[in-house]
């Protein structure tokens, strides 16, 4: 039977730690972007022409804030998937330690 084990215990543990950090960091960034934090204005992708040509510039900026916040939440969900995969690898590594070959 083929094994689903493709990384060692240290790499799997590192994946879990990085996933936890990524989920916390990106979730907080997503919350702050959704709350339209003024500190994060430098990370919102807009140009001066976008503001100059628009009739209602604040709504455009708010829409961009929301889009960046959604992107952060999507990236956090990808980190959740990587963390789940790393957790499965840790469990498979522990299970392999007890098997007698």
N, C-alpha and C. Protein backbone atom coordinates (compact mmCIF):
# COMPACT_ATOMS: atom_id res chain seq x y z
N UNK A 1 0.84 -1.17 0.00
CA UNK A 1 0.00 0.00 0.00
C UNK A 1 0.90 1.25 0.00
N UNK A 2 0.64 2.19 -0.91
CA UNK A 2 1.48 3.39 -0.94
C UNK A 2 1.24 4.28 0.27
N UNK A 3 2.30 4.91 0.70
CA UNK A 3 2.22 5.78 1.87
C UNK A 3 1.92 7.22 1.45
N UNK A 4 1.14 7.90 2.25
CA UNK A 4 0.84 9.31 2.01
C UNK A 4 1.85 10.21 2.70
N UNK A 5 2.84 9.62 3.30
CA UNK A 5 3.86 10.36 4.04
C UNK A 5 4.88 10.91 3.04
N UNK A 6 5.01 12.23 2.97
CA UNK A 6 5.97 12.82 2.03
C UNK A 6 6.89 13.85 2.67
N UNK A 7 6.76 14.10 3.97
CA UNK A 7 7.73 14.98 4.64
C UNK A 7 7.99 14.44 6.04
N UNK A 8 9.15 14.80 6.54
CA UNK A 8 9.56 14.30 7.83
C UNK A 8 8.91 15.04 8.99
N UNK A 9 9.21 14.60 10.21
CA UNK A 9 8.56 15.21 11.37
C UNK A 9 8.96 16.67 11.61
N UNK A 10 10.20 17.01 11.32
CA UNK A 10 10.63 18.40 11.56
C UNK A 10 10.01 19.36 10.55
N UNK A 11 9.94 18.94 9.29
CA UNK A 11 9.32 19.78 8.28
C UNK A 11 7.82 19.94 8.54
N UNK A 12 7.18 18.87 9.00
CA UNK A 12 5.75 18.95 9.31
C UNK A 12 5.50 19.88 10.50
N UNK A 13 6.36 19.80 11.52
CA UNK A 13 6.21 20.70 12.67
C UNK A 13 6.46 22.15 12.27
N UNK A 14 7.43 22.38 11.40
CA UNK A 14 7.70 23.72 10.90
C UNK A 14 6.49 24.24 10.11
N UNK A 15 5.87 23.38 9.32
CA UNK A 15 4.67 23.76 8.58
C UNK A 15 3.53 24.16 9.49
N UNK A 16 3.38 23.47 10.60
CA UNK A 16 2.32 23.81 11.56
C UNK A 16 2.59 25.18 12.18
N UNK A 17 3.83 25.42 12.59
CA UNK A 17 4.17 26.70 13.21
C UNK A 17 3.97 27.85 12.23
N UNK A 18 4.45 27.69 11.00
CA UNK A 18 4.27 28.74 10.00
C UNK A 18 2.80 28.95 9.66
N UNK A 19 2.03 27.89 9.65
CA UNK A 19 0.60 28.02 9.35
C UNK A 19 -0.13 28.77 10.45
N UNK A 20 0.20 28.46 11.68
CA UNK A 20 -0.44 29.17 12.80
C UNK A 20 -0.12 30.66 12.71
N UNK A 21 1.15 30.98 12.47
CA UNK A 21 1.53 32.38 12.36
C UNK A 21 0.83 33.04 11.16
N UNK A 22 0.79 32.36 10.03
CA UNK A 22 0.15 32.93 8.85
C UNK A 22 -1.34 33.18 9.04
N UNK A 23 -2.02 32.25 9.69
CA UNK A 23 -3.46 32.42 9.94
C UNK A 23 -3.70 33.61 10.86
N UNK A 24 -2.93 33.71 11.93
CA UNK A 24 -3.12 34.83 12.87
C UNK A 24 -2.82 36.16 12.19
N UNK A 25 -1.69 36.24 11.51
CA UNK A 25 -1.27 37.50 10.89
C UNK A 25 -2.23 37.93 9.78
N UNK A 26 -2.57 37.02 8.89
CA UNK A 26 -3.43 37.39 7.77
C UNK A 26 -4.86 37.64 8.20
N UNK A 27 -5.33 36.94 9.22
CA UNK A 27 -6.68 37.21 9.73
C UNK A 27 -6.75 38.61 10.34
N UNK A 28 -5.72 38.96 11.09
CA UNK A 28 -5.72 40.31 11.68
C UNK A 28 -5.62 41.39 10.60
N UNK A 29 -4.79 41.15 9.58
CA UNK A 29 -4.71 42.11 8.48
C UNK A 29 -6.05 42.22 7.76
N UNK A 30 -6.71 41.08 7.55
CA UNK A 30 -8.02 41.11 6.91
C UNK A 30 -9.04 41.89 7.71
N UNK A 31 -9.01 41.73 9.02
CA UNK A 31 -9.93 42.48 9.88
C UNK A 31 -9.63 43.97 9.80
N UNK A 32 -8.34 44.32 9.85
CA UNK A 32 -7.99 45.74 9.81
C UNK A 32 -8.28 46.38 8.45
N UNK A 33 -8.08 45.62 7.37
CA UNK A 33 -8.43 46.15 6.05
C UNK A 33 -9.94 46.29 5.93
N UNK A 34 -10.69 45.34 6.45
CA UNK A 34 -12.15 45.44 6.39
C UNK A 34 -12.67 46.60 7.23
N UNK A 35 -11.95 46.94 8.30
CA UNK A 35 -12.32 48.08 9.14
C UNK A 35 -11.81 49.40 8.56
N UNK A 36 -11.12 49.32 7.42
CA UNK A 36 -10.59 50.50 6.71
C UNK A 36 -9.63 51.32 7.57
N UNK A 37 -8.65 50.63 8.12
CA UNK A 37 -7.66 51.28 8.97
C UNK A 37 -6.81 52.25 8.13
N UNK A 38 -6.69 53.47 8.61
CA UNK A 38 -5.95 54.50 7.88
C UNK A 38 -4.46 54.20 7.81
N UNK A 39 -3.95 53.44 8.75
CA UNK A 39 -2.53 53.11 8.77
C UNK A 39 -2.14 52.26 7.56
N UNK A 40 -3.08 51.49 7.04
CA UNK A 40 -2.79 50.57 5.94
C UNK A 40 -3.05 51.17 4.57
N UNK A 41 -3.23 52.48 4.46
CA UNK A 41 -3.53 53.12 3.18
C UNK A 41 -2.41 52.90 2.17
N UNK A 42 -1.17 52.77 2.63
CA UNK A 42 -0.05 52.55 1.72
C UNK A 42 -0.11 51.20 1.04
N UNK A 43 -0.84 50.25 1.60
CA UNK A 43 -0.93 48.91 1.04
C UNK A 43 -2.15 48.72 0.15
N UNK A 44 -2.93 49.77 -0.04
CA UNK A 44 -4.10 49.70 -0.91
C UNK A 44 -3.67 50.10 -2.32
N UNK A 45 -3.91 49.23 -3.32
CA UNK A 45 -3.41 49.50 -4.67
C UNK A 45 -4.28 50.50 -5.44
N UNK A 46 -3.92 51.77 -5.39
CA UNK A 46 -4.62 52.78 -6.19
C UNK A 46 -3.61 53.80 -6.69
N UNK A 47 -4.00 54.51 -7.72
CA UNK A 47 -3.16 55.57 -8.28
C UNK A 47 -3.91 56.90 -8.18
N UNK A 48 -3.19 57.96 -8.44
CA UNK A 48 -3.82 59.27 -8.38
C UNK A 48 -4.88 59.44 -9.47
N UNK A 49 -4.67 58.80 -10.61
CA UNK A 49 -5.66 58.88 -11.69
C UNK A 49 -6.97 58.22 -11.28
N UNK A 50 -6.89 57.16 -10.47
CA UNK A 50 -8.11 56.50 -10.00
C UNK A 50 -8.95 57.46 -9.17
N UNK A 51 -8.30 58.28 -8.39
CA UNK A 51 -9.03 59.21 -7.52
C UNK A 51 -9.48 60.45 -8.31
N UNK A 52 -8.62 60.94 -9.19
CA UNK A 52 -8.92 62.16 -9.91
C UNK A 52 -10.10 61.99 -10.87
N UNK A 53 -10.20 60.84 -11.53
CA UNK A 53 -11.24 60.61 -12.53
C UNK A 53 -12.56 60.13 -11.94
N UNK A 54 -12.58 59.80 -10.67
CA UNK A 54 -13.78 59.22 -10.06
C UNK A 54 -14.65 60.31 -9.43
N UNK A 55 -15.96 60.12 -9.52
CA UNK A 55 -16.90 61.08 -8.93
C UNK A 55 -16.98 60.95 -7.41
N UNK A 56 -16.76 59.74 -6.91
CA UNK A 56 -16.87 59.49 -5.47
C UNK A 56 -15.63 58.72 -5.00
N UNK A 57 -14.49 59.41 -4.83
CA UNK A 57 -13.24 58.72 -4.50
C UNK A 57 -13.25 57.92 -3.20
N UNK A 58 -13.90 58.37 -2.13
CA UNK A 58 -13.85 57.55 -0.91
C UNK A 58 -14.46 56.16 -1.10
N UNK A 59 -15.53 56.06 -1.89
CA UNK A 59 -16.15 54.75 -2.10
C UNK A 59 -15.23 53.82 -2.88
N UNK A 60 -14.46 54.39 -3.81
CA UNK A 60 -13.49 53.58 -4.55
C UNK A 60 -12.41 53.05 -3.62
N UNK A 61 -11.91 53.89 -2.76
CA UNK A 61 -10.88 53.48 -1.80
C UNK A 61 -11.43 52.45 -0.83
N UNK A 62 -12.66 52.65 -0.37
CA UNK A 62 -13.28 51.68 0.53
C UNK A 62 -13.47 50.33 -0.15
N UNK A 63 -13.82 50.35 -1.42
CA UNK A 63 -13.94 49.09 -2.17
C UNK A 63 -12.61 48.38 -2.29
N UNK A 64 -11.54 49.15 -2.50
CA UNK A 64 -10.21 48.55 -2.57
C UNK A 64 -9.79 47.99 -1.22
N UNK A 65 -10.11 48.70 -0.14
CA UNK A 65 -9.85 48.17 1.20
C UNK A 65 -10.54 46.82 1.39
N UNK A 66 -11.81 46.75 1.02
CA UNK A 66 -12.55 45.50 1.18
C UNK A 66 -11.96 44.38 0.33
N UNK A 67 -11.52 44.70 -0.90
CA UNK A 67 -10.93 43.68 -1.76
C UNK A 67 -9.63 43.14 -1.17
N UNK A 68 -8.80 44.02 -0.64
CA UNK A 68 -7.55 43.58 -0.02
C UNK A 68 -7.85 42.75 1.23
N UNK A 69 -8.86 43.15 1.99
CA UNK A 69 -9.26 42.36 3.16
C UNK A 69 -9.72 40.96 2.78
N UNK A 70 -10.50 40.85 1.71
CA UNK A 70 -10.95 39.53 1.24
C UNK A 70 -9.75 38.70 0.80
N UNK A 71 -8.79 39.33 0.11
CA UNK A 71 -7.58 38.60 -0.30
C UNK A 71 -6.81 38.07 0.91
N UNK A 72 -6.76 38.86 1.98
CA UNK A 72 -6.07 38.39 3.20
C UNK A 72 -6.80 37.19 3.81
N UNK A 73 -8.13 37.23 3.81
CA UNK A 73 -8.88 36.10 4.35
C UNK A 73 -8.71 34.85 3.49
N UNK A 74 -8.62 35.02 2.17
CA UNK A 74 -8.39 33.88 1.29
C UNK A 74 -7.02 33.26 1.57
N UNK A 75 -6.01 34.12 1.72
CA UNK A 75 -4.66 33.62 2.02
C UNK A 75 -4.63 32.92 3.38
N UNK A 76 -5.38 33.44 4.36
CA UNK A 76 -5.43 32.79 5.67
C UNK A 76 -6.08 31.42 5.56
N UNK A 77 -7.09 31.28 4.71
CA UNK A 77 -7.73 29.96 4.55
C UNK A 77 -6.78 28.98 3.86
N UNK A 78 -5.93 29.47 2.97
CA UNK A 78 -4.92 28.59 2.36
C UNK A 78 -3.94 28.11 3.43
N UNK A 79 -3.57 29.01 4.35
CA UNK A 79 -2.70 28.61 5.45
C UNK A 79 -3.37 27.59 6.36
N UNK A 80 -4.68 27.68 6.53
CA UNK A 80 -5.39 26.67 7.32
C UNK A 80 -5.25 25.31 6.65
N UNK A 81 -5.37 25.28 5.32
CA UNK A 81 -5.21 24.03 4.59
C UNK A 81 -3.81 23.46 4.71
N UNK A 82 -2.81 24.33 4.62
CA UNK A 82 -1.42 23.88 4.77
C UNK A 82 -1.19 23.36 6.19
N UNK A 83 -1.77 24.02 7.18
CA UNK A 83 -1.64 23.55 8.57
C UNK A 83 -2.29 22.20 8.77
N UNK A 84 -3.46 21.99 8.15
CA UNK A 84 -4.12 20.69 8.27
C UNK A 84 -3.29 19.60 7.61
N UNK A 85 -2.70 19.91 6.46
CA UNK A 85 -1.84 18.94 5.79
C UNK A 85 -0.61 18.64 6.64
N UNK A 86 -0.03 19.65 7.25
CA UNK A 86 1.14 19.44 8.12
C UNK A 86 0.76 18.62 9.35
N UNK A 87 -0.41 18.86 9.90
CA UNK A 87 -0.87 18.08 11.04
C UNK A 87 -1.05 16.61 10.67
N UNK A 88 -1.60 16.37 9.50
CA UNK A 88 -1.72 14.97 9.03
C UNK A 88 -0.36 14.32 8.88
N UNK A 89 0.62 15.08 8.40
CA UNK A 89 1.97 14.53 8.25
C UNK A 89 2.60 14.21 9.59
N UNK A 90 2.37 15.04 10.59
CA UNK A 90 2.88 14.77 11.93
C UNK A 90 2.26 13.48 12.46
N UNK A 91 0.96 13.34 12.28
CA UNK A 91 0.29 12.12 12.77
C UNK A 91 0.77 10.88 12.03
N UNK A 92 0.98 10.98 10.72
CA UNK A 92 1.50 9.83 9.96
C UNK A 92 2.92 9.49 10.39
N UNK A 93 3.74 10.50 10.70
CA UNK A 93 5.11 10.24 11.18
C UNK A 93 5.08 9.54 12.53
N UNK A 94 4.18 9.97 13.42
CA UNK A 94 4.09 9.30 14.73
C UNK A 94 3.59 7.87 14.59
N UNK A 95 2.68 7.67 13.67
CA UNK A 95 2.14 6.33 13.45
C UNK A 95 3.22 5.40 12.87
N UNK A 96 4.07 5.97 12.01
CA UNK A 96 5.14 5.16 11.43
C UNK A 96 6.18 4.77 12.47
N UNK A 97 6.37 5.58 13.50
CA UNK A 97 7.34 5.25 14.55
C UNK A 97 6.94 3.97 15.28
N UNK A 98 5.64 3.72 15.41
CA UNK A 98 5.16 2.56 16.17
C UNK A 98 5.05 1.31 15.32
N UNK A 99 5.14 1.45 14.00
CA UNK A 99 5.01 0.29 13.13
C UNK A 99 6.32 -0.51 13.11
N UNK A 100 6.18 -1.81 13.10
CA UNK A 100 7.34 -2.70 13.00
C UNK A 100 7.42 -3.19 11.56
N UNK A 101 8.58 -2.96 10.95
CA UNK A 101 8.71 -3.39 9.56
C UNK A 101 9.57 -4.61 9.43
